Amino acid sequence: MQTHNLKRLHKNKKDRLVGRGGKHAKTSGRGGKGQTARAGNKRRPELRDIIKKLPKLRGYQFNSIRKGVPVDEDKIVLVAGKKSFSETRKSLGIKGGKIVLK
């Protein structure tokens, strides 16, 4: 028997495709070279840096209690009639705030 007559028991494995994403192989789904391919690649979004530079509002601010808007009872009786609450607010020109009777 000569070397050119020898045959393998198992055929050759196919070559592994490299750099096509996936779980393993050369780049392991990291794409090419550079900053993004390195370990510990955590670049911050630019917007976060902008937010961090803005000044913080200091102290405790409880915004749910709003100042009342003083309104005469006579005005409410004249305007309200059979209108809904939101329509009466619009006709009186009150935007937000709590209505306080005088």
Protein backbone atom coordinates (compact mmCIF):
# COMPACT_ATOMS: atom_id res chain seq x y z
CA MET A 1 0.00 0.00 0.00
CA GLN A 2 1.31 3.42 -0.92
CA THR A 3 0.46 6.87 0.48
CA HIS A 4 -1.62 7.89 -2.53
CA ASN A 5 -3.89 4.85 -2.02
CA LEU A 6 -4.71 5.69 1.64
CA LYS A 7 -8.26 6.79 2.47
CA ARG A 8 -9.59 8.36 5.65
CA LEU A 9 -12.22 6.68 7.81
CA HIS A 10 -13.99 10.06 8.28
CA LYS A 11 -14.22 12.67 5.57
CA ASN A 12 -12.72 16.14 6.15
CA LYS A 13 -14.75 18.58 8.21
CA LYS A 14 -15.99 21.59 6.28
CA ASP A 15 -14.16 24.82 7.05
CA ARG A 16 -15.94 27.00 9.57
CA LEU A 17 -17.40 30.22 8.17
CA VAL A 18 -15.74 33.08 9.98
CA GLY A 19 -17.03 36.57 10.78
CA ARG A 20 -20.69 35.92 9.99
CA GLY A 21 -22.06 36.71 13.44
CA GLY A 22 -23.29 33.83 15.52
CA LYS A 23 -22.05 32.39 18.77
CA HIS A 24 -18.41 31.57 18.17
CA ALA A 25 -15.59 31.83 15.62
CA LYS A 26 -13.16 34.59 14.83
CA THR A 27 -15.04 37.82 15.56
CA SER A 28 -17.95 36.17 17.37
CA GLY A 29 -20.55 38.53 16.01
CA ARG A 30 -18.64 41.66 17.02
CA GLY A 31 -18.10 42.83 13.47
CA GLY A 32 -14.72 44.23 12.50
CA LYS A 33 -11.91 45.86 14.44
CA GLY A 34 -11.93 48.92 16.62
CA GLN A 35 -13.56 50.27 19.73
CA THR A 36 -16.80 48.33 19.36
CA ALA A 37 -15.01 45.00 18.99
CA ARG A 38 -13.12 45.33 22.27
CA ALA A 39 -14.15 43.92 25.62
CA GLY A 40 -15.86 46.41 27.91
CA ASN A 41 -17.32 48.39 25.04
CA LYS A 42 -19.79 50.62 26.84
CA ARG A 43 -19.98 53.98 25.15
CA ARG A 44 -22.43 56.39 26.76
CA PRO A 45 -25.10 58.04 24.64
CA GLU A 46 -24.35 61.70 23.98
CA LEU A 47 -27.71 62.77 25.36
CA ARG A 48 -26.81 61.41 28.81
CA ASP A 49 -23.77 63.70 28.99
CA ILE A 50 -25.96 66.67 28.11
CA ILE A 51 -28.47 65.72 30.83
CA LYS A 52 -25.69 65.33 33.41
CA LYS A 53 -24.46 68.88 32.74
CA LEU A 54 -27.86 70.45 33.46
CA PRO A 55 -28.24 71.97 36.93
CA LYS A 56 -30.33 69.99 39.41
CA LEU A 57 -33.26 71.48 41.26
CA ARG A 58 -32.35 71.42 44.92
CA GLY A 59 -34.73 70.84 47.79
CA TYR A 60 -38.08 69.13 48.17
CA GLN A 61 -40.82 70.32 45.83
CA PHE A 62 -44.31 68.98 46.32
CA ASN A 63 -46.11 70.03 43.15
CA SER A 64 -49.44 68.30 43.63
CA ILE A 65 -50.75 71.05 45.94
CA ARG A 66 -51.42 74.02 43.70
CA LYS A 67 -52.42 77.51 44.70
CA GLY A 68 -56.12 78.21 44.45
CA VAL A 69 -57.65 80.60 41.91
CA PRO A 70 -60.11 82.93 43.68
CA VAL A 71 -63.46 83.26 41.83
CA ASP A 72 -66.68 85.01 42.87
CA GLU A 73 -69.74 82.81 43.49
CA ASP A 74 -71.89 85.13 41.36
CA LYS A 75 -69.67 84.59 38.30
CA ILE A 76 -69.79 80.80 38.63
CA VAL A 77 -73.58 80.80 38.98
CA LEU A 78 -73.99 83.03 35.92
CA VAL A 79 -71.56 81.10 33.71
CA ALA A 80 -72.17 77.52 34.87
CA GLY A 81 -75.90 76.99 34.15
CA LYS A 82 -76.11 73.60 32.44
CA LYS A 83 -72.55 73.54 31.11
CA SER A 84 -69.98 70.90 32.00
CA PHE A 85 -67.19 71.65 34.46
CA SER A 86 -64.53 71.98 31.75
CA GLU A 87 -66.69 74.41 29.75
CA THR A 88 -67.21 76.62 32.78
CA ARG A 89 -63.45 76.69 33.39
CA LYS A 90 -62.87 77.76 29.77
CA SER A 91 -65.50 80.48 29.89
CA LEU A 92 -64.04 81.84 33.17
CA GLY A 93 -60.53 81.67 31.68
CA ILE A 94 -59.06 79.42 34.39
CA LYS A 95 -56.19 77.18 33.35
CA GLY A 96 -55.26 74.58 35.94
CA GLY A 97 -55.27 75.29 39.64
CA LYS A 98 -57.95 74.78 42.23
CA ILE A 99 -61.03 77.00 42.22
CA VAL A 100 -61.54 78.80 45.54
CA LEU A 101 -64.80 80.66 46.17
CA LYS A 102 -64.58 84.21 47.56
